[in-house]
Amino acid sequence: MANALLDNGTPTEPGTDLLSQTLNLEVLATLSKLSGHQDNPVTSLMSPHQTAPGKVRQESRNPEPELDHARAKVDKLAREKVAEHEVNAQESQPFMPRGMLSRPFESQEQCDAIGYDRHGGTSYGIYQISSRQGTMDQFIDFLRQEIPAWAKRLEQAGPADTGSTQGAMPSAWQAIAREDSDLFADIQHRFITKTHYLPALENILQHTGIKEHLLSAPLREVIFSTAVQHGPTGAGNIFKQALENLDLDDSSDLAARLLDQIYTIRKTRFSSSSSRVQAAVTSRLNQEALLARHLLDSMIG
């Protein structure tokens, strides 16, 4: 039952499912950027080079060159990833999410992104690290173990919550991003994996009895996104409630129905927010749910 629900029960050679899942994630994440129908994130404008709030990105009049470029990028990615995933399969390393469902909607994948809302305060980076809820303090502690000089600069910049997207801390953050955006983005991702995804995963495994190796790559990406937006405990509760809402005696499309339940529940978690924020969240989650279903369908098909 769990196998049918989570990994579709399709036998594969060791390492093959891991490689195909990962490449599917990269393909769909790339193509989703070309679709032109993604809304802005809930938070305000993040970065100087992003689309202004309230404006809609223009679709390309001739998308074929962009699609050809995307295909070439995917081909190159496949060649580079084969060796890596063969090693991972041999060492039985579990698939680790890349934040493909979360990053485009949180920050348009910009590590220098700055946002603000009244609940989280000023927020930073790819996953919009909250200042008001203490996550930024945890990040600086994590950063101190990675690049002490960067951590010191952020600490010396003053309060992380500036009441807006402007101020000394946002300026210091963006200056660091300009120095080495790839490294800064990687540190942010590893921090969120450690503090949000892994605790959420542990919560889910502990309270549902699901075995970790049965969790498919799309579901891991959904867990990652849910943990970013709702916290590790919130993600665990949402996943557990979604499972409880399912009729597990009906084995048809269990994985798809689980995804639908997760996103339906997530949309109910913003009742204290303004109607504008609720509408933006609903739009974001509807789009994210579609992308998650595409990821799942790509595995099945």
Protein backbone atom coordinates (compact mmCIF):
# COMPACT_ATOMS: atom_id res chain seq x y z
CA MET A 1 0.00 0.00 0.00
CA ALA A 2 2.69 2.48 0.95
CA ASN A 3 4.74 1.52 -2.08
CA ALA A 4 1.82 2.15 -4.42
CA LEU A 5 1.17 5.46 -2.74
CA LEU A 6 4.66 6.83 -2.77
CA ASP A 7 6.90 5.38 -5.44
CA ASN A 8 4.31 3.91 -7.83
CA GLY A 9 5.76 0.41 -7.39
CA THR A 10 7.73 0.51 -10.64
CA PRO A 11 10.81 -1.71 -10.40
CA THR A 12 14.00 -0.13 -11.73
CA GLU A 13 17.68 -0.84 -11.79
CA PRO A 14 19.54 0.51 -8.74
CA GLY A 15 20.17 4.21 -9.18
CA THR A 16 18.04 4.53 -12.34
CA ASP A 17 14.95 5.86 -10.57
CA LEU A 18 17.05 8.36 -8.62
CA LEU A 19 18.71 9.67 -11.77
CA SER A 20 15.50 9.93 -13.78
CA GLN A 21 13.66 11.62 -10.92
CA THR A 22 16.37 14.21 -10.49
CA LEU A 23 16.63 14.95 -14.20
CA ASN A 24 12.85 15.26 -14.43
CA LEU A 25 12.95 17.83 -11.64
CA GLU A 26 15.63 19.84 -13.43
CA VAL A 27 13.81 19.62 -16.78
CA LEU A 28 10.47 20.73 -15.40
CA ALA A 29 11.98 23.48 -13.29
CA THR A 30 13.70 24.86 -16.38
CA LEU A 31 10.62 24.58 -18.58
CA SER A 32 8.39 26.11 -15.89
CA LYS A 33 10.45 29.28 -16.11
CA LEU A 34 9.66 29.46 -19.84
CA SER A 35 5.90 29.01 -19.39
CA GLY A 36 5.40 32.66 -18.49
CA HIS A 37 2.38 32.06 -16.22
CA GLN A 38 4.04 32.21 -12.81
CA ASP A 39 2.79 34.93 -10.47
CA ASN A 40 5.07 37.06 -8.36
CA PRO A 41 5.86 35.76 -4.86
CA VAL A 42 3.61 36.71 -1.96
CA THR A 43 6.24 39.04 -0.60
CA SER A 44 7.03 42.35 -2.25
CA LEU A 45 9.70 42.93 -4.87
CA MET A 46 12.78 40.99 -3.85
CA SER A 47 15.65 42.12 -5.99
CA PRO A 48 16.53 45.11 -8.17
CA HIS A 49 16.50 43.00 -11.34
CA GLN A 50 13.11 41.33 -10.76
CA THR A 51 9.71 42.18 -12.18
CA ALA A 52 8.03 45.02 -10.30
CA PRO A 53 5.08 44.16 -8.01
CA GLY A 54 1.77 43.99 -9.83
CA LYS A 55 3.36 43.64 -13.25
CA VAL A 56 3.05 40.54 -15.38
CA ARG A 57 6.01 39.07 -17.20
CA GLN A 58 5.67 39.13 -20.97
CA GLU A 59 5.67 35.76 -22.70
CA SER A 60 8.25 35.29 -25.41
CA ARG A 61 6.79 35.87 -28.88
CA ASN A 62 9.01 33.10 -30.21
CA PRO A 63 9.73 30.56 -27.48
CA GLU A 64 11.48 28.04 -29.73
CA PRO A 65 15.03 29.40 -29.22
CA GLU A 66 14.49 29.39 -25.46
CA LEU A 67 13.12 25.85 -25.55
CA ASP A 68 16.06 24.72 -27.67
CA HIS A 69 18.39 26.29 -25.13
CA ALA A 70 16.54 24.52 -22.32
CA ARG A 71 16.85 21.18 -24.08
CA ALA A 72 20.57 21.72 -24.61
CA LYS A 73 20.94 22.62 -20.95
CA VAL A 74 19.11 19.44 -19.94
CA ASP A 75 21.30 17.30 -22.22
CA LYS A 76 24.41 18.80 -20.65
CA LEU A 77 22.94 18.28 -17.18
CA ALA A 78 22.28 14.61 -17.94
CA ARG A 79 25.88 13.99 -18.90
CA GLU A 80 27.16 15.75 -15.79
CA LYS A 81 24.77 14.03 -13.38
CA VAL A 82 25.11 10.39 -14.47
CA ALA A 83 28.38 9.76 -12.64
CA GLU A 84 27.21 11.63 -9.55
CA HIS A 85 24.03 9.60 -9.20
CA GLU A 86 25.72 6.29 -9.90
CA VAL A 87 27.97 7.01 -6.93
CA ASN A 88 25.01 8.05 -4.79
CA ALA A 89 23.12 4.89 -5.72
CA GLN A 90 26.08 2.70 -4.84
CA GLU A 91 26.35 4.42 -1.46
CA SER A 92 22.55 4.20 -0.95
CA GLN A 93 22.24 7.93 -0.40
CA PRO A 94 18.60 9.14 -0.36
CA PHE A 95 17.45 11.72 -2.86
CA MET A 96 17.78 15.22 -1.40
CA PRO A 97 15.33 17.86 -2.64
CA ARG A 98 16.63 20.84 -4.57
CA GLY A 99 13.78 23.16 -3.63
CA MET A 100 12.44 23.11 -7.18
CA LEU A 101 8.86 23.71 -6.04
CA SER A 102 9.77 26.34 -3.46
CA ARG A 103 12.46 28.56 -4.92
CA PRO A 104 10.58 30.00 -7.93
CA PHE A 105 7.67 31.11 -5.75
CA GLU A 106 9.56 32.28 -2.68
CA SER A 107 12.11 34.48 -4.44
CA GLN A 108 12.21 33.77 -8.17
CA GLU A 109 15.34 31.79 -7.26
CA GLN A 110 17.37 34.88 -6.34
CA CYS A 111 19.79 34.48 -3.44
CA ASP A 112 19.87 38.28 -2.96
CA ALA A 113 16.07 38.54 -2.69
CA ILE A 114 14.66 40.78 0.06
CA GLY A 115 10.99 40.72 1.04
CA TYR A 116 8.75 42.01 3.79
CA ASP A 117 5.40 41.18 5.34
CA ARG A 118 3.89 41.95 8.72
CA HIS A 119 4.08 38.37 9.99
CA GLY A 120 7.64 37.43 9.06
CA GLY A 121 9.19 40.88 9.01
CA THR A 122 12.05 41.48 6.60
CA SER A 123 12.91 38.21 4.86
CA TYR A 124 16.02 37.17 3.00
CA GLY A 125 17.27 34.98 0.20
CA ILE A 126 16.07 32.10 -1.92
CA TYR A 127 13.77 30.74 0.78
CA GLN A 128 12.85 34.10 2.35
CA ILE A 129 14.46 33.49 5.74
CA SER A 130 12.32 35.24 8.34
CA SER A 131 13.78 37.84 10.67
CA ARG A 132 10.84 38.23 13.04
CA GLN A 133 10.52 34.52 13.82
CA GLY A 134 14.18 34.01 14.68
CA THR A 135 15.21 32.04 11.62
CA MET A 136 17.75 34.67 10.62
CA ASP A 137 19.55 34.26 13.96
CA GLN A 138 19.81 30.53 13.25
CA PHE A 139 21.11 31.24 9.76
CA ILE A 140 23.85 33.54 11.04
CA ASP A 141 24.92 30.82 13.49
CA PHE A 142 25.04 28.36 10.58
CA LEU A 143 26.90 30.84 8.39
CA ARG A 144 29.46 31.39 11.15
CA GLN A 145 30.52 27.75 10.71
CA GLU A 146 30.80 28.19 6.93
CA ILE A 147 32.10 31.71 6.26
CA PRO A 148 32.77 33.52 9.57
CA ALA A 149 33.55 36.83 7.84
CA TRP A 150 30.14 36.89 6.17
CA ALA A 151 28.38 36.09 9.44
CA LYS A 152 30.25 38.92 11.15
CA ARG A 153 29.23 41.40 8.46
CA LEU A 154 25.56 40.50 8.83
CA GLU A 155 25.73 40.75 12.61
CA GLN A 156 27.40 44.15 12.43
CA ALA A 157 24.73 45.42 10.03
CA GLY A 158 22.20 45.64 12.85
CA PRO A 159 18.64 44.33 13.23
CA ALA A 160 17.51 41.90 10.56
CA ASP A 161 13.92 43.16 10.70
CA THR A 162 14.10 46.68 9.31
CA GLY A 163 10.35 47.08 8.88
CA SER A 164 10.76 47.09 5.09
CA THR A 165 12.95 45.74 2.30
CA GLN A 166 15.49 48.52 2.87
CA GLY A 167 18.18 49.06 5.48
CA ALA A 168 21.69 48.08 6.54
CA MET A 169 21.06 44.34 6.83
CA PRO A 170 19.41 44.02 3.40
CA SER A 171 22.29 45.99 1.90
CA ALA A 172 24.88 43.75 3.58
CA TRP A 173 23.01 40.63 2.43
CA GLN A 174 22.92 41.77 -1.18
CA ALA A 175 26.57 42.80 -1.09
CA ILE A 176 27.54 39.28 -0.01
CA ALA A 177 25.36 37.82 -2.77
CA ARG A 178 27.18 39.91 -5.36
CA GLU A 179 30.54 38.58 -4.17
CA ASP A 180 29.73 34.88 -4.67
CA SER A 181 26.11 34.17 -5.51
CA ASP A 182 26.61 30.44 -6.12
CA LEU A 183 28.26 29.82 -2.76
CA PHE A 184 25.78 32.02 -0.91
CA ALA A 185 22.86 30.22 -2.57
CA ASP A 186 24.34 26.82 -1.69
CA ILE A 187 24.77 27.82 1.96
CA GLN A 188 21.16 29.03 2.11
CA HIS A 189 19.93 25.75 0.62
CA ARG A 190 21.95 23.59 3.00
CA PHE A 191 20.73 25.64 5.95
CA ILE A 192 17.07 25.19 5.02
CA THR A 193 17.63 21.48 4.34
CA LYS A 194 19.11 21.06 7.81
CA THR A 195 16.68 23.23 9.78
CA HIS A 196 13.43 22.71 7.88
CA TYR A 197 13.35 19.77 5.48
CA LEU A 198 15.13 17.12 7.55
CA PRO A 199 13.15 17.85 10.77
CA ALA A 200 9.91 17.81 8.75
CA LEU A 201 10.89 14.50 7.15
CA GLU A 202 11.71 13.01 10.55
CA ASN A 203 8.36 14.20 11.90
CA ILE A 204 6.50 12.60 9.00
CA LEU A 205 8.35 9.30 9.21
CA GLN A 206 7.83 9.12 12.97
CA HIS A 207 4.11 9.89 12.97
CA THR A 208 2.97 8.07 9.83
CA GLY A 209 5.10 4.93 9.81
CA ILE A 210 6.12 5.54 6.19
CA LYS A 211 9.54 4.21 5.26
CA GLU A 212 11.92 6.87 3.94
CA HIS A 213 13.02 4.91 0.87
CA LEU A 214 9.40 4.81 -0.34
CA LEU A 215 9.13 8.60 -0.60
CA SER A 216 9.37 9.58 -4.26
CA ALA A 217 11.33 12.60 -5.45
CA PRO A 218 8.22 14.72 -6.14
CA LEU A 219 6.87 14.05 -2.65
CA ARG A 220 10.20 15.01 -1.12
CA GLU A 221 10.07 18.28 -3.05
CA VAL A 222 6.53 18.85 -1.74
CA ILE A 223 7.70 18.18 1.82
CA PHE A 224 10.58 20.61 1.31
CA SER A 225 8.28 23.36 0.04
CA THR A 226 5.75 22.76 2.82
CA ALA A 227 8.49 22.95 5.45
CA VAL A 228 9.77 26.24 4.02
CA GLN A 229 6.34 27.84 4.11
CA HIS A 230 4.83 26.25 7.22
CA GLY A 231 7.85 25.18 9.28
CA PRO A 232 8.95 21.62 10.11
CA THR A 233 6.15 20.97 12.62
CA GLY A 234 3.52 22.51 10.37
CA ALA A 235 4.71 20.42 7.44
CA GLY A 236 4.51 17.25 9.50
CA ASN A 237 0.98 18.08 10.66
CA ILE A 238 -0.18 18.88 7.12
CA PHE A 239 1.25 15.65 5.71
CA LYS A 240 -0.32 13.59 8.51
CA GLN A 241 -3.72 15.26 8.05
CA ALA A 242 -3.55 14.72 4.30
CA LEU A 243 -2.95 11.00 4.80
CA GLU A 244 -5.81 10.79 7.29
CA ASN A 245 -8.15 12.40 4.76
CA LEU A 246 -7.40 9.75 2.14
CA ASP A 247 -9.35 6.55 1.59
CA LEU A 248 -6.38 4.19 1.62
CA ASP A 249 -8.59 1.27 0.61
CA ASP A 250 -8.87 2.92 -2.79
CA SER A 251 -5.47 2.38 -4.38
CA SER A 252 -6.16 4.40 -7.53
CA ASP A 253 -4.05 7.55 -7.97
CA LEU A 254 -3.08 7.59 -4.31
CA ALA A 255 0.01 9.73 -4.83
CA ALA A 256 -1.92 12.29 -6.88
CA ARG A 257 -4.73 12.41 -4.32
CA LEU A 258 -2.19 12.86 -1.53
CA LEU A 259 -0.68 15.85 -3.35
CA ASP A 260 -4.14 17.35 -3.84
CA GLN A 261 -4.88 16.96 -0.12
CA ILE A 262 -1.59 18.55 0.91
CA TYR A 263 -2.17 21.65 -1.21
CA THR A 264 -5.83 21.90 -0.20
CA ILE A 265 -4.81 21.90 3.46
CA ARG A 266 -1.96 24.36 2.90
CA LYS A 267 -4.40 26.90 1.46
CA THR A 268 -6.36 26.90 4.73
CA ARG A 269 -3.36 27.95 6.83
CA PHE A 270 -3.53 31.69 6.10
CA SER A 271 -6.86 32.69 7.64
CA SER A 272 -5.26 35.45 9.72
CA SER A 273 -3.71 37.09 6.67
CA SER A 274 -5.31 39.86 4.62
CA SER A 275 -7.58 38.96 1.72
CA ARG A 276 -4.87 40.16 -0.67
CA VAL A 277 -2.28 37.85 0.85
CA GLN A 278 -4.73 34.94 0.91
CA ALA A 279 -5.47 35.44 -2.78
CA ALA A 280 -1.76 35.56 -3.60
CA VAL A 281 -1.06 32.44 -1.54
CA THR A 282 -3.91 30.56 -3.22
CA SER A 283 -2.59 31.51 -6.66
CA ARG A 284 0.93 30.44 -5.74
CA LEU A 285 -0.19 27.11 -4.27
CA ASN A 286 -2.43 26.35 -7.25
CA GLN A 287 0.51 26.81 -9.60
CA GLU A 288 2.87 24.88 -7.35
CA ALA A 289 0.38 22.01 -7.15
CA LEU A 290 0.25 21.84 -10.95
CA LEU A 291 4.04 21.67 -11.14
CA ALA A 292 4.10 18.97 -8.45
CA ARG A 293 1.59 16.92 -10.44
CA HIS A 294 3.74 17.31 -13.56
CA LEU A 295 6.73 16.02 -11.62
CA LEU A 296 4.70 13.05 -10.43
CA ASP A 297 3.27 12.32 -13.89
CA SER A 298 6.74 12.47 -15.43
CA MET A 299 7.81 9.64 -13.13
CA ILE A 300 4.77 7.53 -13.93
CA GLY A 301 4.86 8.20 -17.66
